[in-house]
Amino acid sequence: LQFVESGGGSVQPGGSLRLSCAASSYSEGVYAIGWFRQVPGKEREQISCVSQEGDITTYANSVKGRFTASRDQHKNTAYLQMNDLKTDDTAVYYCSAAQAVQYIGGTLKCSGFDSWGQGTQVTVSA
């Protein structure tokens, strides 16, 4: 299962972007999808995960309230709507399928990510 991320670009602080994550096969629908970002010299950071059905999401504190993850099962595509972007959001963004999902205290926990695409660059600058 492979993914292709798209939708990145350059925006000013306060702007918005919507990233897309297109899956290579129909089996995408059986997995929760995680969103990550990485800046040079730092580890890849998980910022969101959306459940298999698309009805449960989780977010890192750094993006909570600004980013919204969703998915369209018919299109085998997941999305990350990013609003009120900040310079600290500058990174390469990736999506991947979660091999393990847990619901702990009503919170979605996604893990077991082992397949990565090329990512899409997001640059936020004045």
Foldseek 3Di string as FASTA:
>chain_A
DAWDKDFADEEAQQAKIKMKIADPDLCLLQFKKWKWWDDPPDDIGTAKIAGSVFPAMDGDPVQPPFWDKGADSVRNMIMIIGGRDDQVVWTFMWMFTFPDWDQDPNHIDGHDGDYIDPTHTHGYHD
